[in-house]
Amino acid sequence: MLRLDSYLVLSAVAYIIGAAPGLPLPAFASHLGSRHPWLSPVLRGLLAEAAARTFIGTPISTVVAGLAVVIGASWSFMRPNRAGLVVPAAIGAGTLVSPLAAFLSGAVAFLTSRVLRPQRGASMLVPTFVGALLYPPLVWYFERFDLHLVFAVVLSLIAIYKVLPGLPPREAETPGLRRLAIFRAVMARVAVGVVLMSLLALFFFNRYVYKGFGLQVEIFRRGSDEFRLVALTFDDGPNPEYTIPILDILCDEEVPATFFLIGSEVLKYPDIARRIVDAGHEVGNHTHTHRNMFGLPAGPMQHEIDEAEKAIEAATGVRPTLFRPPRGLYDSRLVEMLRERRYTLALWSVSSRDWAEVTEASMVQRLTRIVRNGDVILFHDGGSLVSSQGGDRTNTVSALPRLIANLRQRGFSFVTLSDLILISGLTGHDADLNGGE
């Protein structure tokens, strides 16, 4: 059942906002609309972002709404010719993503327009170009959230793409215009190629992480389906904002869990790492700096494993024997290296999707419905979509008590990942999944 706080509904609402036919401004503001025709599409972008903040309220939701409203302004089944709406809609979306970045880049664009005072009809082309170039670095400076930076770059590229043809003089068939036309055509084809490659990569990644290719006897993804047991796992900690309340909840509910720790974060917060172990939970190795292990040279790969192991053992007194690569990406060299170090490569069978910052209600509802015997459930107590820090895990914390209660009502019990591996081995389910031991 679709919910108001789902990304699908949010995308549809934002698209309709961007695609809908133009609406007249209220009487008190109608003179502004005639003087500034870009005002209405800017308000569309602002409205879409406001919907994201109202119904979901996470950084990723603002990116989803921003992209959807710009797509609606670009391609509408209601009103095909909407070229003039795209840049203003992007400006509106970008304003709520980072108000300070939008204000400063807009101020510089305005000053540029005052200084250059170009001919009427092209008065905003150069200022828009300048503002678009400034916006991404300003977003990174003020927000420090990697997905917002990606979104800012996308909005800026859209703006630059739209204003480029108007920057040179409009003499017909000039070499400059021909080169720009070729450049725009190439950009359009590259964009289509990127979308198709992204969809293919997403399919491959999903198959690769959840199923693998070949026998994959060295990798543990889920336990035996003979017992009503599940394992809760948390990646990217320790984090003082989220790990501590998660530990409090697990203590209150008397639920054991497994935490895959980042070595560099353990060095920052050794007391939290120690508290995890003292509370009876299990710790695993999640690399030292959250680098992708797939394709990494042997030297850096070994460094990531060993340095994280040293940090975890120094803080907790426990040498980890479980390893989970960031984003679930691994190759045969990593598998061999882990076997030599007597690690179990442990992935997951069900993701909470908290990396996408879904709402608490959506997370609880979905997991309660899909969890099965032997599942390893992936959560995050730190990190963000791309980097090892900066994400919002508030919904993970708030969803945890309800999810535990719901799963218990379905008859599930909770064990650490090592216990799930042990029980699976004793029952003959993937008995060789213990790092070659």
Protein backbone atom coordinates (compact mmCIF):
# COMPACT_ATOMS: atom_id res chain seq x y z
CA MET A 1 0.00 0.00 0.00
CA LEU A 2 1.34 3.41 -0.96
CA ARG A 3 1.94 5.86 1.87
CA LEU A 4 2.31 9.63 1.89
CA ASP A 5 5.80 9.18 3.34
CA SER A 6 7.03 6.86 0.57
CA TYR A 7 9.58 8.00 -2.00
CA LEU A 8 7.33 6.84 -4.84
CA VAL A 9 4.47 9.09 -3.72
CA LEU A 10 6.87 11.97 -3.07
CA SER A 11 8.39 11.61 -6.55
CA ALA A 12 4.94 11.61 -8.15
CA VAL A 13 3.81 14.68 -6.20
CA ALA A 14 6.99 16.62 -7.00
CA TYR A 15 6.78 15.66 -10.68
CA ILE A 16 3.18 16.87 -10.90
CA ILE A 17 4.18 20.13 -9.22
CA GLY A 18 6.85 20.66 -11.87
CA ALA A 19 4.75 19.41 -14.80
CA ALA A 20 1.42 21.10 -14.07
CA PRO A 21 0.23 23.93 -16.34
CA GLY A 22 1.04 27.43 -15.16
CA LEU A 23 -1.16 28.83 -12.44
CA PRO A 24 -1.83 32.56 -12.03
CA LEU A 25 -0.27 34.18 -9.02
CA PRO A 26 -2.53 35.69 -6.33
CA ALA A 27 -3.81 39.17 -7.06
CA PHE A 28 -1.43 40.83 -4.59
CA ALA A 29 1.55 39.24 -6.36
CA SER A 30 0.34 39.30 -9.96
CA HIS A 31 2.47 42.33 -10.82
CA LEU A 32 5.53 40.42 -9.63
CA GLY A 33 4.68 37.58 -11.99
CA SER A 34 4.45 39.89 -14.98
CA ARG A 35 7.74 41.56 -14.14
CA HIS A 36 9.52 38.34 -13.17
CA PRO A 37 8.09 35.37 -15.13
CA TRP A 38 10.63 33.03 -13.52
CA LEU A 39 9.00 33.52 -10.11
CA SER A 40 6.29 30.87 -10.60
CA PRO A 41 8.63 27.98 -11.51
CA VAL A 42 10.93 28.96 -8.64
CA LEU A 43 7.96 28.61 -6.32
CA ARG A 44 7.30 25.18 -7.83
CA GLY A 45 10.76 24.05 -6.83
CA LEU A 46 10.30 25.45 -3.34
CA LEU A 47 6.91 23.74 -3.00
CA ALA A 48 8.31 20.34 -4.00
CA GLU A 49 11.11 20.63 -1.46
CA ALA A 50 8.64 21.75 1.20
CA ALA A 51 6.60 18.60 0.51
CA ALA A 52 9.72 16.48 0.99
CA ARG A 53 10.50 18.10 4.31
CA THR A 54 6.89 17.82 5.50
CA PHE A 55 6.18 14.18 4.62
CA ILE A 56 9.63 12.59 5.02
CA GLY A 57 12.07 15.22 6.25
CA THR A 58 15.39 13.55 5.44
CA PRO A 59 18.23 14.91 3.27
CA ILE A 60 17.72 12.19 0.66
CA SER A 61 14.03 13.02 0.36
CA THR A 62 14.89 16.61 -0.60
CA VAL A 63 17.14 15.30 -3.36
CA VAL A 64 14.39 12.98 -4.67
CA ALA A 65 11.84 15.82 -4.69
CA GLY A 66 14.28 18.23 -6.32
CA LEU A 67 15.10 15.86 -9.17
CA ALA A 68 11.42 15.01 -9.70
CA VAL A 69 10.27 18.64 -9.91
CA VAL A 70 13.04 19.49 -12.37
CA ILE A 71 12.12 16.46 -14.50
CA GLY A 72 8.51 17.62 -14.41
CA ALA A 73 9.55 21.10 -15.53
CA SER A 74 11.61 19.58 -18.34
CA TRP A 75 9.27 16.87 -19.64
CA SER A 76 5.57 17.33 -19.04
CA PHE A 77 2.71 15.36 -20.61
CA MET A 78 0.46 18.32 -19.70
CA ARG A 79 2.34 21.07 -21.48
CA PRO A 80 5.16 20.01 -23.82
CA ASN A 81 6.89 23.34 -24.43
CA ARG A 82 8.35 24.18 -21.02
CA ALA A 83 11.97 25.07 -21.76
CA GLY A 84 11.80 28.29 -19.79
CA LEU A 85 10.73 26.59 -16.55
CA VAL A 86 13.66 24.26 -16.02
CA VAL A 87 16.32 26.60 -14.62
CA PRO A 88 13.93 28.49 -12.30
CA ALA A 89 12.52 25.20 -10.98
CA ALA A 90 16.08 24.02 -10.32
CA ILE A 91 16.78 27.29 -8.50
CA GLY A 92 13.73 26.79 -6.31
CA ALA A 93 14.68 23.21 -5.50
CA GLY A 94 18.26 24.19 -4.73
CA THR A 95 17.16 26.99 -2.43
CA LEU A 96 15.64 24.70 0.19
CA VAL A 97 18.41 22.12 -0.14
CA SER A 98 20.93 24.73 0.99
CA PRO A 99 19.51 28.24 1.60
CA LEU A 100 22.91 29.77 2.35
CA ALA A 101 24.52 28.33 -0.77
CA ALA A 102 21.58 29.45 -2.89
CA PHE A 103 21.62 32.94 -1.37
CA LEU A 104 25.34 33.49 -1.87
CA SER A 105 25.46 32.08 -5.40
CA GLY A 106 22.35 34.12 -6.23
CA ALA A 107 23.91 37.26 -4.77
CA VAL A 108 27.02 36.78 -6.89
CA ALA A 109 24.83 36.18 -9.95
CA PHE A 110 22.90 39.39 -9.23
CA LEU A 111 26.10 41.42 -8.82
CA THR A 112 27.39 39.94 -12.08
CA SER A 113 24.24 41.06 -13.86
CA ARG A 114 24.65 44.57 -12.46
CA VAL A 115 28.28 44.80 -13.52
CA LEU A 116 27.92 43.35 -17.00
CA ARG A 117 24.53 44.84 -17.83
CA PRO A 118 24.20 42.68 -20.97
CA GLN A 119 21.63 43.25 -23.68
CA ARG A 120 17.98 42.72 -22.93
CA GLY A 121 16.84 39.15 -23.66
CA ALA A 122 20.07 37.60 -22.51
CA SER A 123 20.33 39.49 -19.26
CA MET A 124 20.35 36.40 -16.98
CA LEU A 125 22.47 34.05 -19.06
CA VAL A 126 25.94 34.98 -17.82
CA PRO A 127 24.80 35.53 -14.19
CA THR A 128 23.04 32.14 -14.21
CA PHE A 129 26.19 30.51 -15.56
CA VAL A 130 28.28 32.12 -12.81
CA GLY A 131 25.80 31.22 -10.07
CA ALA A 132 25.62 27.62 -11.31
CA LEU A 133 29.39 27.27 -11.09
CA LEU A 134 29.47 28.62 -7.53
CA TYR A 135 26.54 26.64 -6.14
CA PRO A 136 28.12 23.13 -5.75
CA PRO A 137 31.23 24.21 -3.79
CA LEU A 138 29.05 26.39 -1.56
CA VAL A 139 26.69 23.46 -0.89
CA TRP A 140 29.66 21.31 0.08
CA TYR A 141 31.00 24.04 2.36
CA PHE A 142 27.70 24.59 4.20
CA GLU A 143 26.08 21.13 4.11
CA ARG A 144 28.94 18.58 4.15
CA PHE A 145 26.53 15.88 2.95
CA ASP A 146 27.81 13.99 -0.06
CA LEU A 147 24.45 13.35 -1.72
CA HIS A 148 23.57 17.04 -1.52
CA LEU A 149 26.83 17.79 -3.33
CA VAL A 150 25.90 15.34 -6.10
CA PHE A 151 22.46 16.96 -6.34
CA ALA A 152 24.01 20.43 -6.48
CA VAL A 153 26.27 19.36 -9.34
CA VAL A 154 23.27 17.93 -11.23
CA LEU A 155 21.28 21.16 -10.79
CA SER A 156 24.26 23.22 -11.90
CA LEU A 157 24.82 21.08 -14.99
CA ILE A 158 21.13 21.47 -15.89
CA ALA A 159 21.38 25.25 -15.57
CA ILE A 160 24.60 25.44 -17.58
CA TYR A 161 23.16 23.14 -20.25
CA LYS A 162 20.13 25.40 -20.64
CA VAL A 163 21.97 28.72 -20.79
CA LEU A 164 24.93 27.73 -22.99
CA PRO A 165 23.18 28.30 -26.36
CA GLY A 166 22.33 31.87 -25.44
CA LEU A 167 25.80 32.92 -24.28
CA PRO A 168 27.41 33.71 -27.68
CA PRO A 169 25.92 36.24 -30.13
CA ARG A 170 22.96 34.83 -32.03
CA GLU A 171 24.33 35.13 -35.54
CA ALA A 172 23.00 32.18 -37.50
CA GLU A 173 25.30 29.28 -38.22
CA THR A 174 28.34 30.70 -36.44
CA PRO A 175 31.08 28.18 -35.62
CA GLY A 176 30.54 28.85 -31.91
CA LEU A 177 26.84 27.94 -32.11
CA ARG A 178 27.58 24.80 -34.11
CA ARG A 179 30.11 23.67 -31.50
CA LEU A 180 27.60 24.35 -28.73
CA ALA A 181 24.94 22.35 -30.56
CA ILE A 182 27.34 19.43 -30.86
CA PHE A 183 28.29 19.79 -27.20
CA ARG A 184 24.63 19.77 -26.12
CA ALA A 185 23.91 16.69 -28.24
CA VAL A 186 26.88 14.88 -26.74
CA MET A 187 25.79 15.86 -23.21
CA ALA A 188 22.28 14.54 -23.85
CA ARG A 189 23.61 11.19 -25.08
CA VAL A 190 26.03 10.96 -22.17
CA ALA A 191 23.16 11.60 -19.74
CA VAL A 192 21.09 8.79 -21.31
CA GLY A 193 24.11 6.49 -21.20
CA VAL A 194 24.74 7.29 -17.55
CA VAL A 195 21.12 6.51 -16.65
CA LEU A 196 21.19 3.18 -18.49
CA MET A 197 24.55 2.22 -17.00
CA SER A 198 23.30 3.17 -13.52
CA LEU A 199 20.25 0.93 -13.89
CA LEU A 200 22.45 -1.94 -15.09
CA ALA A 201 24.90 -1.38 -12.23
CA LEU A 202 22.03 -1.32 -9.73
CA PHE A 203 20.76 -4.68 -11.01
CA PHE A 204 24.26 -6.16 -10.91
CA PHE A 205 24.93 -4.80 -7.42
CA ASN A 206 21.67 -6.19 -6.05
CA ARG A 207 22.38 -9.64 -7.51
CA TYR A 208 26.03 -9.48 -6.45
CA VAL A 209 25.43 -8.57 -2.79
CA TYR A 210 22.34 -10.67 -2.07
CA LYS A 211 23.07 -13.78 -4.15
CA GLY A 212 26.62 -13.66 -5.50
CA PHE A 213 27.88 -15.68 -8.43
CA GLY A 214 28.99 -19.28 -8.21
CA LEU A 215 29.05 -21.35 -5.02
CA GLN A 216 30.37 -18.56 -2.74
CA VAL A 217 30.96 -20.95 0.15
CA GLU A 218 33.30 -18.48 1.88
CA ILE A 219 30.59 -15.83 2.28
CA PHE A 220 27.82 -15.82 4.88
CA ARG A 221 24.61 -14.03 3.91
CA ARG A 222 21.84 -15.69 5.90
CA GLY A 223 21.38 -18.46 8.45
CA SER A 224 19.39 -21.65 8.60
CA ASP A 225 15.68 -21.42 7.92
CA GLU A 226 15.00 -24.22 10.43
CA PHE A 227 14.87 -21.88 13.43
CA ARG A 228 12.99 -18.64 14.02
CA LEU A 229 16.19 -16.65 14.57
CA VAL A 230 17.39 -13.36 13.12
CA ALA A 231 20.53 -11.25 13.60
CA LEU A 232 20.54 -7.46 13.82
CA THR A 233 23.72 -5.86 12.44
CA PHE A 234 24.82 -2.23 12.45
CA ASP A 235 27.46 -0.73 10.13
CA ASP A 236 29.64 2.41 10.09
CA GLY A 237 29.90 3.14 13.82
CA PRO A 238 30.72 3.90 16.48
CA ASN A 239 28.85 7.21 16.42
CA PRO A 240 27.97 9.15 19.59
CA GLU A 241 24.72 10.49 18.12
CA TYR A 242 23.24 7.15 17.10
CA THR A 243 25.20 4.22 18.56
CA ILE A 244 24.53 5.22 22.18
CA PRO A 245 20.71 5.39 21.89
CA ILE A 246 20.75 2.14 19.88
CA LEU A 247 22.71 0.48 22.70
CA ASP A 248 20.18 1.80 25.21
CA ILE A 249 17.31 0.32 23.21
CA LEU A 250 19.04 -3.05 22.81
CA CYS A 251 19.73 -3.09 26.55
CA ASP A 252 16.10 -2.31 27.41
CA GLU A 253 14.86 -4.99 25.00
CA GLU A 254 17.60 -7.50 25.99
CA VAL A 255 18.54 -8.03 22.34
CA PRO A 256 22.10 -8.94 21.28
CA ALA A 257 23.45 -7.45 18.06
CA THR A 258 26.57 -7.27 15.90
CA PHE A 259 28.31 -3.95 15.19
CA PHE A 260 30.69 -3.64 12.23
CA LEU A 261 33.04 -0.84 13.27
CA ILE A 262 35.19 1.52 11.22
CA GLY A 263 38.70 1.70 12.63
CA SER A 264 39.10 5.46 12.28
CA GLU A 265 35.80 6.00 14.10
CA VAL A 266 36.90 3.62 16.86
CA LEU A 267 39.99 5.80 17.35
CA LYS A 268 37.70 8.81 17.82
CA TYR A 269 35.24 7.08 20.16
CA PRO A 270 36.99 4.15 21.90
CA ASP A 271 34.68 4.40 24.92
CA ILE A 272 31.63 3.70 22.75
CA ALA A 273 33.36 0.73 21.13
CA ARG A 274 34.20 -0.61 24.57
CA ARG A 275 30.62 -0.10 25.72
CA ILE A 276 29.37 -2.22 22.80
CA VAL A 277 31.46 -5.17 23.97
CA ASP A 278 30.72 -4.61 27.66
CA ALA A 279 26.99 -4.76 26.86
CA GLY A 280 27.45 -8.25 25.44
CA HIS A 281 27.29 -7.37 21.78
CA GLU A 282 29.62 -8.53 19.04
CA VAL A 283 32.01 -6.37 17.01
CA GLY A 284 33.21 -6.89 13.47
CA ASN A 285 35.74 -5.23 11.16
CA HIS A 286 34.35 -2.73 8.60
CA THR A 287 37.73 -1.42 7.32
CA HIS A 288 39.70 1.48 8.71
CA THR A 289 38.46 4.35 6.51
CA HIS A 290 35.40 2.85 4.75
CA ARG A 291 37.22 2.45 1.42
CA ASN A 292 35.78 0.28 -1.31
CA MET A 293 37.62 -3.03 -1.20
CA PHE A 294 36.59 -4.14 -4.68
CA GLY A 295 39.59 -3.69 -6.97
CA LEU A 296 41.75 -2.15 -4.26
CA PRO A 297 45.47 -3.04 -4.54
CA ALA A 298 46.72 -5.65 -2.08
CA GLY A 299 48.75 -3.20 0.03
CA PRO A 300 45.93 -0.73 0.79
CA MET A 301 43.49 -3.63 1.19
CA GLN A 302 45.69 -5.22 3.83
CA HIS A 303 46.15 -1.84 5.53
CA GLU A 304 42.37 -1.29 5.77
CA ILE A 305 41.86 -4.69 7.42
CA ASP A 306 44.85 -4.63 9.76
CA GLU A 307 44.54 -1.03 10.98
CA ALA A 308 40.85 -1.46 11.78
CA GLU A 309 41.63 -4.70 13.61
CA LYS A 310 44.30 -2.98 15.71
CA ALA A 311 42.00 -0.09 16.59
CA ILE A 312 39.12 -2.38 17.57
CA GLU A 313 41.29 -4.72 19.62
CA ALA A 314 43.01 -1.82 21.41
CA ALA A 315 39.67 -0.22 22.34
CA THR A 316 37.69 -3.34 23.24
CA GLY A 317 40.23 -6.04 24.05
CA VAL A 318 38.55 -8.26 21.45
CA ARG A 319 39.99 -9.28 18.10
CA PRO A 320 37.18 -9.26 15.53
CA THR A 321 36.67 -12.38 13.42
CA LEU A 322 33.86 -11.05 11.22
CA PHE A 323 34.48 -8.73 8.29
CA ARG A 324 31.96 -6.80 6.24
CA PRO A 325 33.25 -4.77 3.26
CA PRO A 326 31.74 -1.31 2.73
CA ARG A 327 28.67 -1.45 0.49
CA GLY A 328 29.08 -5.23 0.32
CA LEU A 329 31.70 -4.94 -2.46
CA TYR A 330 34.35 -7.66 -2.54
CA ASP A 331 36.52 -9.62 -4.97
CA SER A 332 38.41 -12.91 -4.94
CA ARG A 333 41.59 -11.28 -3.59
CA LEU A 334 39.69 -9.96 -0.57
CA VAL A 335 38.13 -13.37 0.04
CA GLU A 336 41.57 -14.98 -0.02
CA MET A 337 43.10 -12.33 2.25
CA LEU A 338 40.30 -12.75 4.80
CA ARG A 339 40.72 -16.51 4.74
CA GLU A 340 44.42 -16.13 5.52
CA ARG A 341 43.55 -13.88 8.48
CA ARG A 342 40.84 -16.27 9.70
CA TYR A 343 37.97 -13.84 9.11
CA THR A 344 34.42 -14.69 8.08
CA LEU A 345 33.17 -12.49 5.24
CA ALA A 346 29.67 -11.64 6.48
CA LEU A 347 27.12 -9.80 4.37
CA TRP A 348 23.35 -9.62 4.88
CA SER A 349 20.08 -10.96 3.50
CA VAL A 350 17.73 -8.06 4.28
CA SER A 351 18.51 -4.35 4.23
CA SER A 352 16.55 -1.91 6.36
CA ARG A 353 17.23 0.68 3.64
CA ASP A 354 18.03 3.19 6.34
CA TRP A 355 20.91 4.29 4.08
CA ALA A 356 18.15 5.89 1.96
CA GLU A 357 16.77 7.51 5.13
CA VAL A 358 13.31 6.01 4.68
CA THR A 359 10.78 6.95 7.31
CA GLU A 360 10.34 5.04 10.55
CA ALA A 361 6.87 3.81 9.58
CA SER A 362 8.02 2.56 6.18
CA MET A 363 11.02 0.79 7.68
CA VAL A 364 9.00 -0.99 10.37
CA GLN A 365 6.18 -1.94 8.05
CA ARG A 366 8.45 -3.40 5.35
CA LEU A 367 10.81 -5.30 7.65
CA THR A 368 7.98 -6.75 9.72
CA ARG A 369 6.47 -8.11 6.52
CA ILE A 370 9.56 -9.53 4.75
CA VAL A 371 11.85 -10.88 7.49
CA ARG A 372 12.19 -14.68 7.41
CA ASN A 373 13.97 -17.35 9.46
CA GLY A 374 17.73 -16.92 9.48
CA ASP A 375 17.78 -13.39 8.06
CA VAL A 376 20.70 -11.06 8.70
CA ILE A 377 19.26 -7.54 8.85
CA LEU A 378 21.44 -4.59 7.86
CA PHE A 379 21.17 -1.29 9.74
CA HIS A 380 23.55 1.65 10.06
CA ASP A 381 24.49 3.54 13.22
CA GLY A 382 26.69 6.00 11.33
CA GLY A 383 27.91 6.89 7.85
CA SER A 384 26.02 8.35 4.92
CA LEU A 385 25.11 7.21 1.44
CA VAL A 386 28.66 7.60 0.14
CA SER A 387 31.07 8.48 2.95
CA SER A 388 31.64 7.16 6.47
CA GLN A 389 29.89 10.03 8.22
CA GLY A 390 27.21 12.67 7.78
CA GLY A 391 24.06 10.58 7.35
CA ASP A 392 20.85 10.87 9.36
CA ARG A 393 20.07 7.67 11.30
CA THR A 394 17.32 9.13 13.47
CA ASN A 395 14.70 6.92 11.84
CA THR A 396 16.80 3.83 12.54
CA VAL A 397 16.83 4.66 16.24
CA SER A 398 13.12 5.42 16.41
CA ALA A 399 12.13 2.33 14.36
CA LEU A 400 14.14 -0.17 16.38
CA PRO A 401 11.82 -0.66 19.41
CA ARG A 402 8.73 -1.12 17.24
CA LEU A 403 10.52 -3.52 14.91
CA ILE A 404 11.81 -5.66 17.77
CA ALA A 405 8.32 -5.82 19.26
CA ASN A 406 6.74 -6.72 15.90
CA LEU A 407 9.27 -9.46 15.16
CA ARG A 408 8.82 -10.92 18.62
CA GLN A 409 5.07 -11.02 18.02
CA ARG A 410 5.85 -13.08 14.91
CA GLY A 411 7.83 -15.49 17.09
CA PHE A 412 11.39 -14.43 16.24
CA SER A 413 14.31 -14.47 18.65
CA PHE A 414 17.50 -12.44 18.26
CA VAL A 415 21.09 -13.72 18.21
CA THR A 416 24.49 -12.33 17.29
CA LEU A 417 25.79 -13.01 13.82
CA SER A 418 28.41 -15.45 15.10
CA ASP A 419 25.74 -17.44 16.91
CA LEU A 420 23.65 -17.53 13.74
CA ILE A 421 26.67 -18.80 11.80
CA LEU A 422 27.37 -21.44 14.46
CA ILE A 423 23.79 -22.68 14.55
CA SER A 424 23.67 -22.78 10.76
CA GLY A 425 26.86 -24.84 10.70
CA LEU A 426 25.53 -27.29 13.27
CA THR A 427 22.37 -27.81 11.27
CA GLY A 428 24.32 -28.39 8.07
CA HIS A 429 23.29 -25.07 6.51
CA ASP A 430 26.35 -23.50 4.84
CA ALA A 431 28.60 -25.26 7.31
CA ASP A 432 31.76 -24.08 5.57
CA LEU A 433 31.01 -20.39 5.99
CA ASN A 434 33.57 -19.67 8.70
CA GLY A 435 36.53 -18.27 6.84
CA GLY A 436 38.04 -21.63 6.01
CA GLU A 437 38.36 -22.80 9.61
